[in-house]
């Protein structure tokens, strides 16, 4: 299936919620494409976290790459993933088959606005390449704050953000022009976490690539 023949609008729609056979292929491409981003962003979060037995949630887990990579960083932890695409839930379970069989991971259908988790359950929550598409962004981040333990961390890792001084590619320009997508500037990511209640916010970016990692702590 030739994904290059999709229009930009179709591509954005599939990135938001991969659906059908095309969605499965998009999920595989996401795993390939996002690996360098996550291999850069995840260590920025985990390098200062010494605990080993953690409850870790990846929201909008897609085809499951972030869960797989985090399991190598914190192998004694328990991993959870949710995605509102049924195709991605199936793909993520297949991609992380050994973790699922061992009981170290659980990936299920879910929505960031209606999280099926109790308060103060997670040590870490991550959201990679997904916050663009959350319709109620601030409320969703507040919901993640709720399920974090005191001292827990929430991280956003995105491969692009709005940059005044950088030329944007056509894909990014379409995101900027869309009223359905949250394409934030770097300081707006900081504002978002502050409004949700997070403290000790750290931001890292590579403007030439558009990569950004930002995380905060629930105190």
Foldseek 3Di string as FASTA:
>chain_A
DDPVPDDLVRLVVLLQANDDPVNLVNLVVCLVVCVVLLVVFVCVVCVPPPDQAWEEEEEQCFLANNVVVVCVVRVNYAYEYEHQHPSSQVNNCVVPVVCVVVRRYYYYYDDLLDDPAAFQAGQEYEYESHLFQRQPNLNSVLSVLRRHHAFHKYKYKYQAADDPVDDDDPSVVVSVPDPRTDRHDQVVVVVSCVVSPFPPKDKDADVVRRIIMIMGGHD
